[in-house]
C-alpha atoms as a PDB file:
ATOM      1  CA  MET A   1       0.000   0.000   0.000  1.00  0.00           C
ATOM      2  CA  ASP A   2       1.250   3.450  -0.848  1.00  0.00           C
ATOM      3  CA  LYS A   3       0.889   6.109   1.732  1.00  0.00           C
ATOM      4  CA  LEU A   4      -1.799   8.760   1.557  1.00  0.00           C
ATOM      5  CA  THR A   5      -0.811  12.196   2.854  1.00  0.00           C
ATOM      6  CA  TRP A   6      -2.671  15.470   3.270  1.00  0.00           C
ATOM      7  CA  SER A   7      -2.547  18.658   5.292  1.00  0.00           C
ATOM      8  CA  ALA A   8      -5.271  20.674   6.964  1.00  0.00           C
ATOM      9  CA  LEU A   9      -5.569  23.501   9.445  1.00  0.00           C
ATOM     10  CA  GLU A  10      -5.848  22.273  13.036  1.00  0.00           C
ATOM     11  CA  TYR A  11      -9.122  24.199  13.379  1.00  0.00           C
ATOM     12  CA  GLU A  12     -11.218  26.571  11.321  1.00  0.00           C
ATOM     13  CA  ASP A  13      -9.982  30.127  11.774  1.00  0.00           C
ATOM     14  CA  LYS A  14     -12.734  32.628  12.557  1.00  0.00           C
ATOM     15  CA  GLU A  15     -12.566  36.382  12.670  1.00  0.00           C
ATOM     16  CA  ARG A  16     -13.856  37.764  15.940  1.00  0.00           C
ATOM     17  CA  SER A  17     -15.061  41.318  16.258  1.00  0.00           C
ATOM     18  CA  ARG A  18     -14.150  43.733  19.008  1.00  0.00           C
ATOM     19  CA  ASP A  19     -17.644  43.188  20.377  1.00  0.00           C
ATOM     20  CA  TRP A  20     -16.847  39.484  20.916  1.00  0.00           C
ATOM     21  CA  PHE A  21     -13.798  40.401  23.016  1.00  0.00           C
ATOM     22  CA  TRP A  22     -15.781  43.039  24.924  1.00  0.00           C
ATOM     23  CA  ALA A  23     -18.464  40.457  25.682  1.00  0.00           C
ATOM     24  CA  LEU A  24     -15.810  37.997  26.863  1.00  0.00           C
ATOM     25  CA  GLY A  25     -14.257  40.644  29.119  1.00  0.00           C
ATOM     26  CA  ILE A  26     -17.579  41.751  30.591  1.00  0.00           C
ATOM     27  CA  ILE A  27     -18.654  38.171  31.307  1.00  0.00           C
ATOM     28  CA  VAL A  28     -15.327  37.236  32.899  1.00  0.00           C
ATOM     29  CA  VAL A  29     -15.015  40.385  35.020  1.00  0.00           C
ATOM     30  CA  SER A  30     -18.630  40.360  36.212  1.00  0.00           C
ATOM     31  CA  SER A  31     -18.460  36.628  37.035  1.00  0.00           C
ATOM     32  CA  SER A  32     -15.206  37.169  38.930  1.00  0.00           C
ATOM     33  CA  VAL A  33     -16.696  40.084  40.888  1.00  0.00           C
ATOM     34  CA  ALA A  34     -19.704  37.921  41.791  1.00  0.00           C
ATOM     35  CA  ALA A  35     -17.353  35.148  42.957  1.00  0.00           C
ATOM     36  CA  ILE A  36     -15.419  37.645  45.099  1.00  0.00           C
ATOM     37  CA  ILE A  37     -18.660  38.987  46.612  1.00  0.00           C
ATOM     38  CA  TYR A  38     -19.563  35.433  47.627  1.00  0.00           C
ATOM     39  CA  GLY A  39     -16.078  34.921  49.068  1.00  0.00           C
ATOM     40  CA  ASN A  40     -14.935  32.393  46.486  1.00  0.00           C
ATOM     41  CA  TYR A  41     -11.545  33.907  45.646  1.00  0.00           C
ATOM     42  CA  PHE A  42     -10.113  30.763  44.081  1.00  0.00           C
ATOM     43  CA  PHE A  43     -13.019  30.565  41.617  1.00  0.00           C
ATOM     44  CA  ALA A  44     -12.619  34.277  40.822  1.00  0.00           C
ATOM     45  CA  ALA A  45      -8.930  33.741  40.031  1.00  0.00           C
ATOM     46  CA  LEU A  46      -9.790  30.675  37.951  1.00  0.00           C
ATOM     47  CA  LEU A  47     -12.346  32.700  35.962  1.00  0.00           C
ATOM     48  CA  LEU A  48      -9.849  35.494  35.291  1.00  0.00           C
ATOM     49  CA  ILE A  49      -7.130  33.076  34.170  1.00  0.00           C
ATOM     50  CA  SER A  50      -9.629  31.212  31.983  1.00  0.00           C
ATOM     51  CA  GLY A  51     -10.805  34.452  30.385  1.00  0.00           C
ATOM     52  CA  VAL A  52      -7.253  35.521  29.571  1.00  0.00           C
ATOM     53  CA  LEU A  53      -6.485  32.106  28.078  1.00  0.00           C
ATOM     54  CA  LEU A  54      -9.712  32.168  26.030  1.00  0.00           C
ATOM     55  CA  GLY A  55      -8.751  35.568  24.662  1.00  0.00           C
ATOM     56  CA  PHE A  56      -5.250  34.344  23.863  1.00  0.00           C
ATOM     57  CA  PHE A  57      -6.460  31.257  21.999  1.00  0.00           C
ATOM     58  CA  ALA A  58      -9.093  33.302  20.169  1.00  0.00           C
ATOM     59  CA  VAL A  59      -6.398  35.415  18.496  1.00  0.00           C
ATOM     60  CA  LYS A  60      -3.977  32.508  17.895  1.00  0.00           C
ATOM     61  CA  LYS A  61      -3.790  31.440  14.259  1.00  0.00           C
ATOM     62  CA  PRO A  62      -4.221  27.719  13.489  1.00  0.00           C
ATOM     63  CA  GLU A  63      -1.222  25.642  12.464  1.00  0.00           C
ATOM     64  CA  MET A  64      -1.083  23.379   9.443  1.00  0.00           C
ATOM     65  CA  VAL A  65      -1.224  19.727  10.513  1.00  0.00           C
ATOM     66  CA  ASN A  66       0.202  16.926   8.377  1.00  0.00           C
ATOM     67  CA  TYR A  67      -1.680  13.608   8.215  1.00  0.00           C
ATOM     68  CA  GLU A  68      -0.476  10.345   6.748  1.00  0.00           C
ATOM     69  CA  LEU A  69      -2.076   6.935   6.264  1.00  0.00           C
ATOM     70  CA  ASN A  70       0.673   4.387   5.760  1.00  0.00           C
ATOM     71  CA  SER A  71       1.180   0.646   6.232  1.00  0.00           C
ATOM     72  CA  ARG A  72       1.610   1.053  10.005  1.00  0.00           C
ATOM     73  CA  GLY A  73      -1.345   3.317  10.808  1.00  0.00           C
ATOM     74  CA  LEU A  74      -2.557   6.895  10.916  1.00  0.00           C
ATOM     75  CA  LYS A  75       0.112   9.469  11.624  1.00  0.00           C
ATOM     76  CA  ILE A  76      -0.966  12.884  12.943  1.00  0.00           C
ATOM     77  CA  ARG A  77       1.988  15.254  13.100  1.00  0.00           C
ATOM     78  CA  THR A  78       4.532  12.924  14.741  1.00  0.00           C
ATOM     79  CA  GLU A  79       2.119  10.663  16.655  1.00  0.00           C
ATOM     80  CA  LEU A  80       1.272   7.288  15.149  1.00  0.00           C
ATOM     81  CA  TYR A  81      -2.076   5.560  15.745  1.00  0.00           C
ATOM     82  CA  PRO A  82      -1.448   1.915  14.760  1.00  0.00           C
ATOM     83  CA  TYR A  83      -4.334   0.171  13.006  1.00  0.00           C
ATOM     84  CA  GLU A  84      -4.462  -2.356  15.861  1.00  0.00           C
ATOM     85  CA  ARG A  85      -5.394   0.442  18.287  1.00  0.00           C
ATOM     86  CA  ILE A  86      -8.074   2.027  16.110  1.00  0.00           C
ATOM     87  CA  ARG A  87     -11.444   0.641  17.207  1.00  0.00           C
ATOM     88  CA  ALA A  88     -13.638   2.172  14.467  1.00  0.00           C
ATOM     89  CA  PHE A  89     -13.725   4.782  11.730  1.00  0.00           C
ATOM     90  CA  TRP A  90     -16.263   6.807   9.782  1.00  0.00           C
ATOM     91  CA  VAL A  91     -15.752   8.824   6.615  1.00  0.00           C
ATOM     92  CA  GLN A  92     -18.251  11.668   6.365  1.00  0.00           C
ATOM     93  CA  PRO A  93     -18.522  13.058   2.844  1.00  0.00           C
ATOM     94  CA  GLY A  94     -19.136  16.743   2.315  1.00  0.00           C
ATOM     95  CA  GLY A  95     -22.496  18.168   1.295  1.00  0.00           C
ATOM     96  CA  THR A  96     -25.787  18.771   3.030  1.00  0.00           C
ATOM     97  CA  ASN A  97     -27.523  16.337   5.355  1.00  0.00           C
ATOM     98  CA  ASP A  98     -31.235  15.505   5.395  1.00  0.00           C
ATOM     99  CA  LYS A  99     -31.913  18.516   7.645  1.00  0.00           C
ATOM    100  CA  GLY A 100     -30.242  20.909   5.210  1.00  0.00           C
ATOM    101  CA  HIS A 101     -27.137  21.554   7.337  1.00  0.00           C
ATOM    102  CA  GLU A 102     -23.795  21.889   5.592  1.00  0.00           C
ATOM    103  CA  MET A 103     -21.445  19.017   6.410  1.00  0.00           C
ATOM    104  CA  LYS A 104     -17.694  19.210   5.929  1.00  0.00           C
ATOM    105  CA  PRO A 105     -15.819  16.126   4.724  1.00  0.00           C
ATOM    106  CA  MET A 106     -14.349  14.539   7.865  1.00  0.00           C
ATOM    107  CA  LEU A 107     -12.646  11.378   9.016  1.00  0.00           C
ATOM    108  CA  PHE A 108     -13.696  10.198  12.465  1.00  0.00           C
ATOM    109  CA  ILE A 109     -11.439   7.808  14.354  1.00  0.00           C
ATOM    110  CA  ARG A 110     -12.286   5.993  17.584  1.00  0.00           C
ATOM    111  CA  SER A 111      -9.115   4.815  19.286  1.00  0.00           C
ATOM    112  CA  GLU A 112      -8.524   2.987  22.530  1.00  0.00           C
ATOM    113  CA  ARG A 113      -7.075   6.087  24.178  1.00  0.00           C
ATOM    114  CA  VAL A 114      -8.743   7.066  27.443  1.00  0.00           C
ATOM    115  CA  PHE A 115      -8.286  10.802  26.952  1.00  0.00           C
ATOM    116  CA  ILE A 116      -9.878  12.077  23.713  1.00  0.00           C
ATOM    117  CA  PRO A 117     -10.762   8.664  22.258  1.00  0.00           C
ATOM    118  CA  GLU A 118     -12.558  10.153  19.220  1.00  0.00           C
ATOM    119  CA  ILE A 119     -10.640  12.264  16.756  1.00  0.00           C
ATOM    120  CA  GLU A 120     -12.132  14.407  13.997  1.00  0.00           C
ATOM    121  CA  ILE A 121      -9.858  14.979  11.014  1.00  0.00           C
ATOM    122  CA  PRO A 122     -10.721  17.249   8.082  1.00  0.00           C
ATOM    123  CA  ILE A 123     -10.245  15.622   4.700  1.00  0.00           C
ATOM    124  CA  GLU A 124     -10.870  16.500   1.079  1.00  0.00           C
ATOM    125  CA  ASP A 125     -13.930  15.024  -0.626  1.00  0.00           C
ATOM    126  CA  ARG A 126     -11.827  13.371  -3.316  1.00  0.00           C
ATOM    127  CA  MET A 127      -9.971  11.349  -0.643  1.00  0.00           C
ATOM    128  CA  ALA A 128     -13.031   9.819   1.033  1.00  0.00           C
ATOM    129  CA  GLN A 129     -13.114   6.621  -1.044  1.00  0.00           C
ATOM    130  CA  ASP A 130      -9.360   6.010  -0.721  1.00  0.00           C
ATOM    131  CA  ILE A 131      -9.455   6.479   3.051  1.00  0.00           C
ATOM    132  CA  HIS A 132     -12.468   4.191   3.327  1.00  0.00           C
ATOM    133  CA  SER A 133     -10.787   1.416   1.336  1.00  0.00           C
ATOM    134  CA  ILE A 134      -7.552   1.685   3.363  1.00  0.00           C
ATOM    135  CA  PHE A 135      -9.333   1.311   6.720  1.00  0.00           C
ATOM    136  CA  SER A 136     -11.560  -1.457   5.358  1.00  0.00           C
ATOM    137  CA  SER A 137      -8.525  -3.376   4.116  1.00  0.00           C
ATOM    138  CA  TYR A 138      -7.281  -3.570   7.731  1.00  0.00           C
ATOM    139  CA  ASP A 139     -10.683  -4.925   8.933  1.00  0.00           C
ATOM    140  CA  ILE A 140     -11.429  -1.864  11.061  1.00  0.00           C
ATOM    141  CA  PRO A 141     -15.166  -1.615  11.765  1.00  0.00           C
ATOM    142  CA  GLU A 142     -17.045   1.226  10.139  1.00  0.00           C
ATOM    143  CA  ILE A 143     -19.364   2.845  12.708  1.00  0.00           C
ATOM    144  CA  GLU A 144     -21.283   6.038  11.999  1.00  0.00           C
ATOM    145  CA  MET A 145     -19.955   8.934  14.090  1.00  0.00           C
ATOM    146  CA  LYS A 146     -20.935  12.564  14.170  1.00  0.00           C
ATOM    147  CA  GLU A 147     -19.435  15.807  15.315  1.00  0.00           C
ATOM    148  CA  HIS A 148     -19.434  15.938  19.113  1.00  0.00           C
ATOM    149  CA  LEU A 149     -22.028  18.157  20.794  1.00  0.00           C
ATOM    150  CA  SER A 150     -19.300  20.193  22.498  1.00  0.00           C
ATOM    151  CA  MET A 151     -17.897  21.113  19.079  1.00  0.00           C
ATOM    152  CA  LYS A 152     -21.301  22.387  17.974  1.00  0.00           C
ATOM    153  CA  VAL A 153     -21.662  24.438  21.174  1.00  0.00           C
ATOM    154  CA  MET A 154     -18.196  25.935  20.695  1.00  0.00           C
ATOM    155  CA  GLU A 155     -19.067  26.831  17.105  1.00  0.00           C
ATOM    156  CA  ILE A 156     -22.238  28.604  18.251  1.00  0.00           C
ATOM    157  CA  LEU A 157     -20.208  30.550  20.832  1.00  0.00           C
ATOM    158  CA  GLY A 158     -17.816  31.694  18.122  1.00  0.00           C
ATOM    159  CA  PHE A 159     -14.813  29.442  18.751  1.00  0.00           C
END
């Protein structure tokens, strides 16, 4: 088997307006003040640190991530996921679903990792069949997976 390689941004970059940052600041400061009023100083500090980190990651530009399917497994950056440790996969083609929502072409992987066992990987539509045949050739079960609810919530909130 030849290897299949592609690159994609680690996340979709979104422009955020000044109003978004003002809203973030107002929510963080007012929540921290409320925590201080109730005597919960640790929570107030946690809120402030979280708000600063959210602001930092909101302005950070996404990096290009290299993916590779080879004879040993799926390689993401420098980490290899051997086929033996991949429990299931799903290739979601691009287009619109039955509810009229736009769907991006994605590869979903369920691994045996405890932390973040499901991985969503952007792909190109033209690669869907090749990826499907590679995983099928290693007898990895195909189980329908969808974008996690937390990802949808984060998208609604502007992340």
